[in-house]
PDB file of all heavy atoms in Angstrom:
ATOM      1  N   ALA A   1      -9.724  10.296  -5.051  1.00  0.00           N
ATOM      2  CA  ALA A   1     -11.023  10.544  -4.494  1.00  0.00           C
ATOM      3  C   ALA A   1     -11.818   9.232  -4.643  1.00  0.00           C
ATOM      4  O   ALA A   1     -11.733   8.632  -5.742  1.00  0.00           O
ATOM      5  CB  ALA A   1     -11.776  11.668  -5.086  1.00  0.00           C
ATOM      6  N   GLU A   2     -12.514   8.762  -3.632  1.00  0.00           N
ATOM      7  CA  GLU A   2     -13.315   7.603  -3.751  1.00  0.00           C
ATOM      8  C   GLU A   2     -14.603   7.764  -2.961  1.00  0.00           C
ATOM      9  O   GLU A   2     -14.665   8.446  -1.951  1.00  0.00           O
ATOM     10  CB  GLU A   2     -12.594   6.363  -3.335  1.00  0.00           C
ATOM     11  CG  GLU A   2     -12.053   6.344  -1.906  1.00  0.00           C
ATOM     12  CD  GLU A   2     -11.354   5.052  -1.552  1.00  0.00           C
ATOM     13  OE1 GLU A   2     -11.383   4.127  -2.321  1.00  0.00           O
ATOM     14  OE2 GLU A   2     -10.789   4.998  -0.409  1.00  0.00           O
ATOM     15  N   GLN A   3     -15.577   7.060  -3.443  1.00  0.00           N
ATOM     16  CA  GLN A   3     -16.929   7.195  -2.778  1.00  0.00           C
ATOM     17  C   GLN A   3     -17.773   5.945  -3.125  1.00  0.00           C
ATOM     18  O   GLN A   3     -17.740   5.382  -4.197  1.00  0.00           O
ATOM     19  CB  GLN A   3     -17.703   8.395  -3.316  1.00  0.00           C
ATOM     20  CG  GLN A   3     -19.053   8.641  -2.701  1.00  0.00           C
ATOM     21  CD  GLN A   3     -19.701   9.958  -3.082  1.00  0.00           C
ATOM     22  OE1 GLN A   3     -19.374  10.455  -4.154  1.00  0.00           O
ATOM     23  NE2 GLN A   3     -20.618  10.392  -2.324  1.00  0.00           N
ATOM     24  N   CYS A   4     -18.406   5.384  -2.108  1.00  0.00           N
ATOM     25  CA  CYS A   4     -19.430   4.368  -2.269  1.00  0.00           C
ATOM     26  C   CYS A   4     -20.807   5.110  -2.189  1.00  0.00           C
ATOM     27  O   CYS A   4     -21.000   6.047  -1.552  1.00  0.00           O
ATOM     28  CB  CYS A   4     -19.320   3.392  -1.115  1.00  0.00           C
ATOM     29  SG  CYS A   4     -17.871   2.344  -1.108  1.00  0.00           S
ATOM     30  N   ARG A   5     -21.731   4.408  -2.941  1.00  0.00           N
ATOM     31  CA  ARG A   5     -23.089   4.935  -2.913  1.00  0.00           C
ATOM     32  C   ARG A   5     -23.617   5.064  -1.403  1.00  0.00           C
ATOM     33  O   ARG A   5     -23.476   4.000  -0.709  1.00  0.00           O
ATOM     34  CB  ARG A   5     -24.000   4.175  -3.759  1.00  0.00           C
ATOM     35  CG  ARG A   5     -25.342   4.791  -3.938  1.00  0.00           C
ATOM     36  CD  ARG A   5     -26.144   4.171  -5.088  1.00  0.00           C
ATOM     37  NE  ARG A   5     -25.502   4.477  -6.441  1.00  0.00           N
ATOM     38  CZ  ARG A   5     -25.601   5.616  -7.042  1.00  0.00           C
ATOM     39  NH1 ARG A   5     -26.294   6.676  -6.490  1.00  0.00           N
ATOM     40  NH2 ARG A   5     -24.988   5.822  -8.204  1.00  0.00           N
ATOM     41  N   ASN A   6     -24.200   6.121  -1.080  1.00  0.00           N
ATOM     42  CA  ASN A   6     -24.707   6.388   0.277  1.00  0.00           C
ATOM     43  C   ASN A   6     -23.542   6.416   1.355  1.00  0.00           C
ATOM     44  O   ASN A   6     -23.835   6.353   2.567  1.00  0.00           O
ATOM     45  CB  ASN A   6     -25.707   5.250   0.727  1.00  0.00           C
ATOM     46  CG  ASN A   6     -26.852   5.174  -0.196  1.00  0.00           C
ATOM     47  OD1 ASN A   6     -27.392   6.199  -0.701  1.00  0.00           O
ATOM     48  ND2 ASN A   6     -27.332   3.997  -0.475  1.00  0.00           N
ATOM     49  N   GLY A   7     -22.388   6.635   0.826  1.00  0.00           N
ATOM     50  CA  GLY A   7     -21.212   6.811   1.705  1.00  0.00           C
ATOM     51  C   GLY A   7     -20.528   8.118   1.565  1.00  0.00           C
ATOM     52  O   GLY A   7     -20.814   8.869   0.622  1.00  0.00           O
ATOM     53  N   PRO A   8     -19.566   8.425   2.399  1.00  0.00           N
ATOM     54  CA  PRO A   8     -18.859   9.715   2.278  1.00  0.00           C
ATOM     55  C   PRO A   8     -17.939   9.717   1.124  1.00  0.00           C
ATOM     56  O   PRO A   8     -17.377   8.641   0.728  1.00  0.00           O
ATOM     57  CB  PRO A   8     -18.207   9.797   3.696  1.00  0.00           C
ATOM     58  CG  PRO A   8     -17.928   8.388   4.035  1.00  0.00           C
ATOM     59  CD  PRO A   8     -19.073   7.640   3.574  1.00  0.00           C
ATOM     60  N   LEU A   9     -17.643  10.858   0.586  1.00  0.00           N
ATOM     61  CA  LEU A   9     -16.630  11.065  -0.389  1.00  0.00           C
ATOM     62  C   LEU A   9     -15.255  11.304   0.392  1.00  0.00           C
ATOM     63  O   LEU A   9     -15.194  12.222   1.218  1.00  0.00           O
ATOM     64  CB  LEU A   9     -16.946  12.233  -1.302  1.00  0.00           C
ATOM     65  CG  LEU A   9     -15.912  12.632  -2.308  1.00  0.00           C
ATOM     66  CD1 LEU A   9     -15.724  11.486  -3.271  1.00  0.00           C
ATOM     67  CD2 LEU A   9     -16.326  13.978  -3.023  1.00  0.00           C
ATOM     68  N   VAL A  10     -14.292  10.487   0.151  1.00  0.00           N
ATOM     69  CA  VAL A  10     -13.041  10.539   0.834  1.00  0.00           C
ATOM     70  C   VAL A  10     -11.943  11.011  -0.134  1.00  0.00           C
ATOM     71  O   VAL A  10     -11.868  10.534  -1.217  1.00  0.00           O
ATOM     72  CB  VAL A  10     -12.698   9.195   1.506  1.00  0.00           C
ATOM     73  CG1 VAL A  10     -11.322   9.259   2.210  1.00  0.00           C
ATOM     74  CG2 VAL A  10     -13.793   8.721   2.438  1.00  0.00           C
ATOM     75  N   VAL A  11     -11.048  11.937   0.369  1.00  0.00           N
ATOM     76  CA  VAL A  11     -10.032  12.534  -0.512  1.00  0.00           C
ATOM     77  C   VAL A  11      -8.732  12.265   0.099  1.00  0.00           C
ATOM     78  O   VAL A  11      -8.443  12.452   1.259  1.00  0.00           O
ATOM     79  CB  VAL A  11     -10.306  14.004  -0.728  1.00  0.00           C
ATOM     80  CG1 VAL A  11      -9.229  14.659  -1.558  1.00  0.00           C
ATOM     81  CG2 VAL A  11     -11.697  14.275  -1.302  1.00  0.00           C
ATOM     82  N   PHE A  12      -7.785  11.882  -0.813  1.00  0.00           N
ATOM     83  CA  PHE A  12      -6.357  11.730  -0.450  1.00  0.00           C
ATOM     84  C   PHE A  12      -5.525  12.557  -1.381  1.00  0.00           C
ATOM     85  O   PHE A  12      -5.951  12.931  -2.495  1.00  0.00           O
ATOM     86  CB  PHE A  12      -5.886  10.187  -0.594  1.00  0.00           C
ATOM     87  CG  PHE A  12      -6.740   9.207   0.136  1.00  0.00           C
ATOM     88  CD1 PHE A  12      -7.900   8.664  -0.398  1.00  0.00           C
ATOM     89  CD2 PHE A  12      -6.322   8.775   1.327  1.00  0.00           C
ATOM     90  CE1 PHE A  12      -8.666   7.770   0.268  1.00  0.00           C
ATOM     91  CE2 PHE A  12      -6.999   7.858   2.000  1.00  0.00           C
ATOM     92  CZ  PHE A  12      -8.169   7.326   1.455  1.00  0.00           C
ATOM     93  N   ALA A  13      -4.308  12.926  -0.933  1.00  0.00           N
ATOM     94  CA  ALA A  13      -3.397  13.676  -1.757  1.00  0.00           C
ATOM     95  C   ALA A  13      -1.978  13.156  -1.449  1.00  0.00           C
ATOM     96  O   ALA A  13      -1.768  12.446  -0.401  1.00  0.00           O
ATOM     97  CB  ALA A  13      -3.546  15.138  -1.543  1.00  0.00           C
ATOM     98  N   GLY A  14      -1.049  13.618  -2.267  1.00  0.00           N
ATOM     99  CA  GLY A  14       0.313  13.155  -1.954  1.00  0.00           C
ATOM    100  C   GLY A  14       1.336  13.648  -2.918  1.00  0.00           C
ATOM    101  O   GLY A  14       1.020  14.392  -3.897  1.00  0.00           O
ATOM    102  N   ILE A  15       2.555  13.199  -2.702  1.00  0.00           N
ATOM    103  CA  ILE A  15       3.610  13.443  -3.581  1.00  0.00           C
ATOM    104  C   ILE A  15       4.517  12.241  -3.750  1.00  0.00           C
ATOM    105  O   ILE A  15       4.599  11.459  -2.779  1.00  0.00           O
ATOM    106  CB  ILE A  15       4.476  14.667  -3.029  1.00  0.00           C
ATOM    107  CG1 ILE A  15       5.616  15.050  -4.086  1.00  0.00           C
ATOM    108  CG2 ILE A  15       5.140  14.350  -1.718  1.00  0.00           C
ATOM    109  CD1 ILE A  15       6.292  16.343  -3.712  1.00  0.00           C
ATOM    110  N   LYS A  16       5.009  11.902  -4.932  1.00  0.00           N
ATOM    111  CA  LYS A  16       5.782  10.779  -5.153  1.00  0.00           C
ATOM    112  C   LYS A  16       6.996  11.034  -6.010  1.00  0.00           C
ATOM    113  O   LYS A  16       7.082  12.201  -6.627  1.00  0.00           O
ATOM    114  CB  LYS A  16       4.960   9.643  -5.800  1.00  0.00           C
ATOM    115  CG  LYS A  16       4.538   9.936  -7.266  1.00  0.00           C
ATOM    116  CD  LYS A  16       3.802   8.778  -7.860  1.00  0.00           C
ATOM    117  CE  LYS A  16       3.504   9.029  -9.316  1.00  0.00           C
ATOM    118  NZ  LYS A  16       2.883   7.770  -9.972  1.00  0.00           N
ATOM    119  N   ASP A  17       7.885  10.184  -6.155  1.00  0.00           N
ATOM    120  CA  ASP A  17       9.151  10.358  -6.948  1.00  0.00           C
ATOM    121  C   ASP A  17       9.913  11.612  -6.558  1.00  0.00           C
ATOM    122  O   ASP A  17      10.514  12.210  -7.361  1.00  0.00           O
ATOM    123  CB  ASP A  17       8.817  10.405  -8.444  1.00  0.00           C
ATOM    124  CG  ASP A  17       8.075   9.112  -8.911  1.00  0.00           C
ATOM    125  OD1 ASP A  17       8.172   8.110  -8.352  1.00  0.00           O
ATOM    126  OD2 ASP A  17       7.421   9.214 -10.043  1.00  0.00           O
ATOM    127  N   LEU A  18       9.923  11.905  -5.194  1.00  0.00           N
ATOM    128  CA  LEU A  18      10.590  12.989  -4.710  1.00  0.00           C
ATOM    129  C   LEU A  18      11.999  12.471  -4.191  1.00  0.00           C
ATOM    130  O   LEU A  18      12.119  11.716  -3.275  1.00  0.00           O
ATOM    131  CB  LEU A  18       9.861  13.627  -3.599  1.00  0.00           C
ATOM    132  CG  LEU A  18      10.534  14.822  -2.837  1.00  0.00           C
ATOM    133  CD1 LEU A  18      10.637  16.019  -3.790  1.00  0.00           C
ATOM    134  CD2 LEU A  18       9.638  15.265  -1.611  1.00  0.00           C
ATOM    135  N   LYS A  19      13.070  12.828  -4.938  1.00  0.00           N
ATOM    136  CA  LYS A  19      14.403  12.274  -4.622  1.00  0.00           C
ATOM    137  C   LYS A  19      15.083  13.312  -3.770  1.00  0.00           C
ATOM    138  O   LYS A  19      15.200  14.480  -4.178  1.00  0.00           O
ATOM    139  CB  LYS A  19      15.136  12.070  -5.975  1.00  0.00           C
ATOM    140  CG  LYS A  19      14.520  10.998  -6.829  1.00  0.00           C
ATOM    141  CD  LYS A  19      15.323  10.708  -8.088  1.00  0.00           C
ATOM    142  CE  LYS A  19      14.703   9.524  -8.878  1.00  0.00           C
ATOM    143  NZ  LYS A  19      15.442   9.230 -10.149  1.00  0.00           N
ATOM    144  N   LEU A  20      15.625  12.821  -2.661  1.00  0.00           N
ATOM    145  CA  LEU A  20      16.235  13.670  -1.638  1.00  0.00           C
ATOM    146  C   LEU A  20      17.603  13.044  -1.213  1.00  0.00           C
ATOM    147  O   LEU A  20      17.775  11.866  -1.241  1.00  0.00           O
ATOM    148  CB  LEU A  20      15.402  13.763  -0.421  1.00  0.00           C
ATOM    149  CG  LEU A  20      13.942  14.363  -0.628  1.00  0.00           C
ATOM    150  CD1 LEU A  20      13.152  14.201   0.697  1.00  0.00           C
ATOM    151  CD2 LEU A  20      14.047  15.832  -0.986  1.00  0.00           C
ATOM    152  N   MET A  21      18.520  14.002  -0.877  1.00  0.00           N
ATOM    153  CA  MET A  21      19.818  13.555  -0.410  1.00  0.00           C
ATOM    154  C   MET A  21      20.344  14.539   0.610  1.00  0.00           C
ATOM    155  O   MET A  21      20.151  15.769   0.461  1.00  0.00           O
ATOM    156  CB  MET A  21      20.808  13.451  -1.559  1.00  0.00           C
ATOM    157  CG  MET A  21      22.218  13.170  -1.123  1.00  0.00           C
ATOM    158  SD  MET A  21      23.406  13.341  -2.445  1.00  0.00           S
ATOM    159  CE  MET A  21      23.077  11.882  -3.453  1.00  0.00           C
ATOM    160  N   LYS A  22      20.985  14.060   1.690  1.00  0.00           N
ATOM    161  CA  LYS A  22      21.892  14.987   2.445  1.00  0.00           C
ATOM    162  C   LYS A  22      23.137  14.209   2.656  1.00  0.00           C
ATOM    163  O   LYS A  22      23.211  12.911   2.882  1.00  0.00           O
ATOM    164  CB  LYS A  22      21.212  15.419   3.744  1.00  0.00           C
ATOM    165  CG  LYS A  22      20.773  14.216   4.729  1.00  0.00           C
ATOM    166  CD  LYS A  22      20.175  14.999   5.925  1.00  0.00           C
ATOM    167  CE  LYS A  22      19.812  13.990   7.112  1.00  0.00           C
ATOM    168  NZ  LYS A  22      19.141  14.617   8.285  1.00  0.00           N
ATOM    169  N   THR A  23      24.275  14.929   2.603  1.00  0.00           N
ATOM    170  CA  THR A  23      25.550  14.239   2.405  1.00  0.00           C
ATOM    171  C   THR A  23      26.225  13.972   3.820  1.00  0.00           C
ATOM    172  O   THR A  23      27.363  13.407   3.899  1.00  0.00           O
ATOM    173  CB  THR A  23      26.461  15.108   1.520  1.00  0.00           C
ATOM    174  OG1 THR A  23      26.477  16.464   2.098  1.00  0.00           O
ATOM    175  CG2 THR A  23      25.970  15.128   0.176  1.00  0.00           C
ATOM    176  N   THR A  24      25.620  14.455   4.909  1.00  0.00           N
ATOM    177  CA  THR A  24      26.175  14.222   6.267  1.00  0.00           C
ATOM    178  C   THR A  24      25.006  14.250   7.188  1.00  0.00           C
ATOM    179  O   THR A  24      23.842  14.321   6.848  1.00  0.00           O
ATOM    180  CB  THR A  24      27.253  15.149   6.595  1.00  0.00           C
ATOM    181  OG1 THR A  24      27.863  14.722   7.899  1.00  0.00           O
ATOM    182  CG2 THR A  24      26.710  16.578   6.749  1.00  0.00           C
ATOM    183  N   GLN A  25      25.232  14.242   8.577  1.00  0.00           N
ATOM    184  CA  GLN A  25      24.201  14.347   9.525  1.00  0.00           C
ATOM    185  C   GLN A  25      23.284  13.148   9.458  1.00  0.00           C
ATOM    186  O   GLN A  25      22.085  13.231   9.597  1.00  0.00           O
ATOM    187  CB  GLN A  25      23.396  15.657   9.431  1.00  0.00           C
ATOM    188  CG  GLN A  25      24.189  16.831   9.909  1.00  0.00           C
ATOM    189  CD  GLN A  25      24.265  16.814  11.439  1.00  0.00           C
ATOM    190  OE1 GLN A  25      24.794  16.026  12.095  1.00  0.00           O
ATOM    191  NE2 GLN A  25      23.760  17.967  12.021  1.00  0.00           N
ATOM    192  N   SER A  26      23.908  11.993   9.116  1.00  0.00           N
ATOM    193  CA  SER A  26      23.049  10.683   9.092  1.00  0.00           C
ATOM    194  C   SER A  26      24.066   9.547   9.493  1.00  0.00           C
ATOM    195  O   SER A  26      25.233   9.551   9.124  1.00  0.00           O
ATOM    196  CB  SER A  26      22.478  10.466   7.634  1.00  0.00           C
ATOM    197  OG  SER A  26      21.989   9.163   7.597  1.00  0.00           O
ATOM    198  N   GLY A  27      23.487   8.590  10.194  1.00  0.00           N
ATOM    199  CA  GLY A  27      24.197   7.449  10.574  1.00  0.00           C
ATOM    200  C   GLY A  27      23.316   6.279  10.881  1.00  0.00           C
ATOM    201  O   GLY A  27      22.175   6.359  10.726  1.00  0.00           O
ATOM    202  N   PHE A  28      23.902   5.193  11.284  1.00  0.00           N
ATOM    203  CA  PHE A  28      23.206   3.978  11.594  1.00  0.00           C
ATOM    204  C   PHE A  28      24.066   3.154  12.506  1.00  0.00           C
ATOM    205  O   PHE A  28      25.076   2.500  12.087  1.00  0.00           O
ATOM    206  CB  PHE A  28      22.750   3.119  10.383  1.00  0.00           C
ATOM    207  CG  PHE A  28      21.822   2.074  10.595  1.00  0.00           C
ATOM    208  CD1 PHE A  28      20.733   2.245  11.358  1.00  0.00           C
ATOM    209  CD2 PHE A  28      22.150   0.754  10.119  1.00  0.00           C
ATOM    210  CE1 PHE A  28      19.807   1.183  11.636  1.00  0.00           C
ATOM    211  CE2 PHE A  28      21.223  -0.293  10.367  1.00  0.00           C
ATOM    212  CZ  PHE A  28      20.140  -0.074  11.155  1.00  0.00           C
ATOM    213  N   GLU A  29      23.724   3.223  13.812  1.00  0.00           N
ATOM    214  CA  GLU A  29      24.540   2.540  14.832  1.00  0.00           C
ATOM    215  C   GLU A  29      23.667   1.769  15.864  1.00  0.00           C
ATOM    216  O   GLU A  29      22.489   2.063  15.937  1.00  0.00           O
ATOM    217  CB  GLU A  29      25.428   3.599  15.554  1.00  0.00           C
ATOM    218  CG  GLU A  29      26.324   4.431  14.660  1.00  0.00           C
ATOM    219  CD  GLU A  29      26.978   5.498  15.457  1.00  0.00           C
ATOM    220  OE1 GLU A  29      26.444   6.619  15.594  1.00  0.00           O
ATOM    221  OE2 GLU A  29      28.100   5.286  15.996  1.00  0.00           O
ATOM    222  N   GLY A  30      24.267   0.867  16.573  1.00  0.00           N
ATOM    223  CA  GLY A  30      23.566   0.213  17.706  1.00  0.00           C
ATOM    224  C   GLY A  30      22.486  -0.785  17.197  1.00  0.00           C
ATOM    225  O   GLY A  30      21.601  -1.116  17.952  1.00  0.00           O
ATOM    226  N   PHE A  31      22.489  -1.193  15.997  1.00  0.00           N
ATOM    227  CA  PHE A  31      21.548  -2.134  15.466  1.00  0.00           C
ATOM    228  C   PHE A  31      21.845  -3.632  15.949  1.00  0.00           C
ATOM    229  O   PHE A  31      22.947  -3.905  16.290  1.00  0.00           O
ATOM    230  CB  PHE A  31      21.468  -2.031  13.940  1.00  0.00           C
ATOM    231  CG  PHE A  31      22.769  -2.111  13.199  1.00  0.00           C
ATOM    232  CD1 PHE A  31      23.359  -3.315  12.908  1.00  0.00           C
ATOM    233  CD2 PHE A  31      23.397  -0.936  12.883  1.00  0.00           C
ATOM    234  CE1 PHE A  31      24.517  -3.349  12.228  1.00  0.00           C
ATOM    235  CE2 PHE A  31      24.630  -0.994  12.165  1.00  0.00           C
ATOM    236  CZ  PHE A  31      25.154  -2.162  11.900  1.00  0.00           C
ATOM    237  N   PHE A  32      20.823  -4.435  15.791  1.00  0.00           N
ATOM    238  CA  PHE A  32      20.924  -5.864  16.162  1.00  0.00           C
ATOM    239  C   PHE A  32      21.938  -6.517  15.224  1.00  0.00           C
ATOM    240  O   PHE A  32      21.965  -6.345  14.090  1.00  0.00           O
ATOM    241  CB  PHE A  32      19.532  -6.599  16.007  1.00  0.00           C
ATOM    242  CG  PHE A  32      19.568  -7.918  16.363  1.00  0.00           C
ATOM    243  CD1 PHE A  32      19.442  -8.448  17.664  1.00  0.00           C
ATOM    244  CD2 PHE A  32      19.710  -8.943  15.367  1.00  0.00           C
ATOM    245  CE1 PHE A  32      19.551  -9.803  18.010  1.00  0.00           C
ATOM    246  CE2 PHE A  32      19.786 -10.285  15.669  1.00  0.00           C
ATOM    247  CZ  PHE A  32      19.660 -10.678  16.970  1.00  0.00           C
ATOM    248  N   LYS A  33      22.791  -7.384  15.858  1.00  0.00           N
ATOM    249  CA  LYS A  33      23.825  -8.102  15.162  1.00  0.00           C
ATOM    250  C   LYS A  33      23.767  -9.621  15.572  1.00  0.00           C
ATOM    251  O   LYS A  33      23.545  -9.984  16.711  1.00  0.00           O
ATOM    252  CB  LYS A  33      25.246  -7.493  15.471  1.00  0.00           C
ATOM    253  CG  LYS A  33      25.385  -6.004  15.197  1.00  0.00           C
ATOM    254  CD  LYS A  33      26.762  -5.555  15.653  1.00  0.00           C
ATOM    255  CE  LYS A  33      26.883  -4.023  15.455  1.00  0.00           C
ATOM    256  NZ  LYS A  33      26.045  -3.242  16.405  1.00  0.00           N
ATOM    257  N   ASN A  34      24.084 -10.419  14.563  1.00  0.00           N
ATOM    258  CA  ASN A  34      24.269 -11.773  14.776  1.00  0.00           C
ATOM    259  C   ASN A  34      25.393 -12.346  13.803  1.00  0.00           C
ATOM    260  O   ASN A  34      26.019 -11.531  13.192  1.00  0.00           O
ATOM    261  CB  ASN A  34      22.934 -12.594  14.689  1.00  0.00           C
ATOM    262  CG  ASN A  34      22.321 -12.627  13.287  1.00  0.00           C
ATOM    263  OD1 ASN A  34      22.945 -12.100  12.324  1.00  0.00           O
ATOM    264  ND2 ASN A  34      21.128 -12.980  13.153  1.00  0.00           N
ATOM    265  N   GLU A  35      25.388 -13.686  13.661  1.00  0.00           N
ATOM    266  CA  GLU A  35      26.464 -14.211  12.778  1.00  0.00           C
ATOM    267  C   GLU A  35      26.267 -13.870  11.288  1.00  0.00           C
ATOM    268  O   GLU A  35      27.250 -14.033  10.505  1.00  0.00           O
ATOM    269  CB  GLU A  35      26.506 -15.768  12.925  1.00  0.00           C
ATOM    270  CG  GLU A  35      25.250 -16.500  12.385  1.00  0.00           C
ATOM    271  CD  GLU A  35      24.152 -16.615  13.384  1.00  0.00           C
ATOM    272  OE1 GLU A  35      24.238 -15.803  14.401  1.00  0.00           O
ATOM    273  OE2 GLU A  35      23.287 -17.519  13.161  1.00  0.00           O
ATOM    274  N   HIS A  36      25.158 -13.362  10.876  1.00  0.00           N
ATOM    275  CA  HIS A  36      24.953 -12.970   9.511  1.00  0.00           C
ATOM    276  C   HIS A  36      25.157 -11.473   9.248  1.00  0.00           C
ATOM    277  O   HIS A  36      25.001 -11.073   8.051  1.00  0.00           O
ATOM    278  CB  HIS A  36      23.569 -13.344   9.085  1.00  0.00           C
ATOM    279  CG  HIS A  36      23.156 -14.803   9.288  1.00  0.00           C
ATOM    280  ND1 HIS A  36      23.836 -15.827   8.544  1.00  0.00           N
ATOM    281  CD2 HIS A  36      22.205 -15.420  10.056  1.00  0.00           C
ATOM    282  CE1 HIS A  36      23.295 -17.018   8.981  1.00  0.00           C
ATOM    283  NE2 HIS A  36      22.377 -16.790   9.823  1.00  0.00           N
ATOM    284  N   THR A  37      25.518 -10.720  10.270  1.00  0.00           N
ATOM    285  CA  THR A  37      25.652  -9.291  10.165  1.00  0.00           C
ATOM    286  C   THR A  37      27.074  -8.963   9.608  1.00  0.00           C
ATOM    287  O   THR A  37      28.087  -9.437  10.186  1.00  0.00           O
ATOM    288  CB  THR A  37      25.476  -8.621  11.468  1.00  0.00           C
ATOM    289  OG1 THR A  37      24.131  -8.922  11.962  1.00  0.00           O
ATOM    290  CG2 THR A  37      25.566  -7.107  11.275  1.00  0.00           C
ATOM    291  N   THR A  38      27.166  -8.287   8.486  1.00  0.00           N
ATOM    292  CA  THR A  38      28.461  -7.814   7.899  1.00  0.00           C
ATOM    293  C   THR A  38      28.412  -6.326   7.761  1.00  0.00           C
ATOM    294  O   THR A  38      29.521  -5.769   7.540  1.00  0.00           O
ATOM    295  CB  THR A  38      28.677  -8.454   6.506  1.00  0.00           C
ATOM    296  OG1 THR A  38      27.562  -8.016   5.618  1.00  0.00           O
ATOM    297  CG2 THR A  38      28.702  -9.915   6.613  1.00  0.00           C
ATOM    298  N   LEU A  39      27.298  -5.649   7.968  1.00  0.00           N
ATOM    299  CA  LEU A  39      27.260  -4.226   7.838  1.00  0.00           C
ATOM    300  C   LEU A  39      27.945  -3.524   8.975  1.00  0.00           C
ATOM    301  O   LEU A  39      27.676  -3.753  10.132  1.00  0.00           O
ATOM    302  CB  LEU A  39      25.770  -3.750   7.795  1.00  0.00           C
ATOM    303  CG  LEU A  39      25.624  -2.193   7.521  1.00  0.00           C
ATOM    304  CD1 LEU A  39      25.831  -1.922   6.139  1.00  0.00           C
ATOM    305  CD2 LEU A  39      24.127  -1.852   7.845  1.00  0.00           C
ATOM    306  N   PRO A  40      28.925  -2.617   8.685  1.00  0.00           N
ATOM    307  CA  PRO A  40      29.615  -1.856   9.775  1.00  0.00           C
ATOM    308  C   PRO A  40      28.654  -0.714  10.243  1.00  0.00           C
ATOM    309  O   PRO A  40      27.822  -0.211   9.575  1.00  0.00           O
ATOM    310  CB  PRO A  40      30.859  -1.359   9.048  1.00  0.00           C
ATOM    311  CG  PRO A  40      30.541  -1.166   7.643  1.00  0.00           C
ATOM    312  CD  PRO A  40      29.558  -2.306   7.334  1.00  0.00           C
ATOM    313  N   GLU A  41      28.924  -0.355  11.527  1.00  0.00           N
ATOM    314  CA  GLU A  41      28.241   0.820  12.044  1.00  0.00           C
ATOM    315  C   GLU A  41      28.825   2.075  11.374  1.00  0.00           C
ATOM    316  O   GLU A  41      29.973   2.114  11.096  1.00  0.00           O
ATOM    317  CB  GLU A  41      28.382   0.890  13.571  1.00  0.00           C
ATOM    318  CG  GLU A  41      27.652  -0.229  14.262  1.00  0.00           C
ATOM    319  CD  GLU A  41      27.560   0.059  15.719  1.00  0.00           C
ATOM    320  OE1 GLU A  41      28.080   1.070  16.266  1.00  0.00           O
ATOM    321  OE2 GLU A  41      26.786  -0.664  16.450  1.00  0.00           O
TER     322      GLU A  41
END
């Protein structure tokens, strides 16, 4: 929460350090490639 004098009080919220994994249904294909690219699709 943060506030300036004569200004509005603004509120933020969130979550952090949330570790997630899924073991399939993910890929990475069709990305830009040049002479420095070694990553396979």
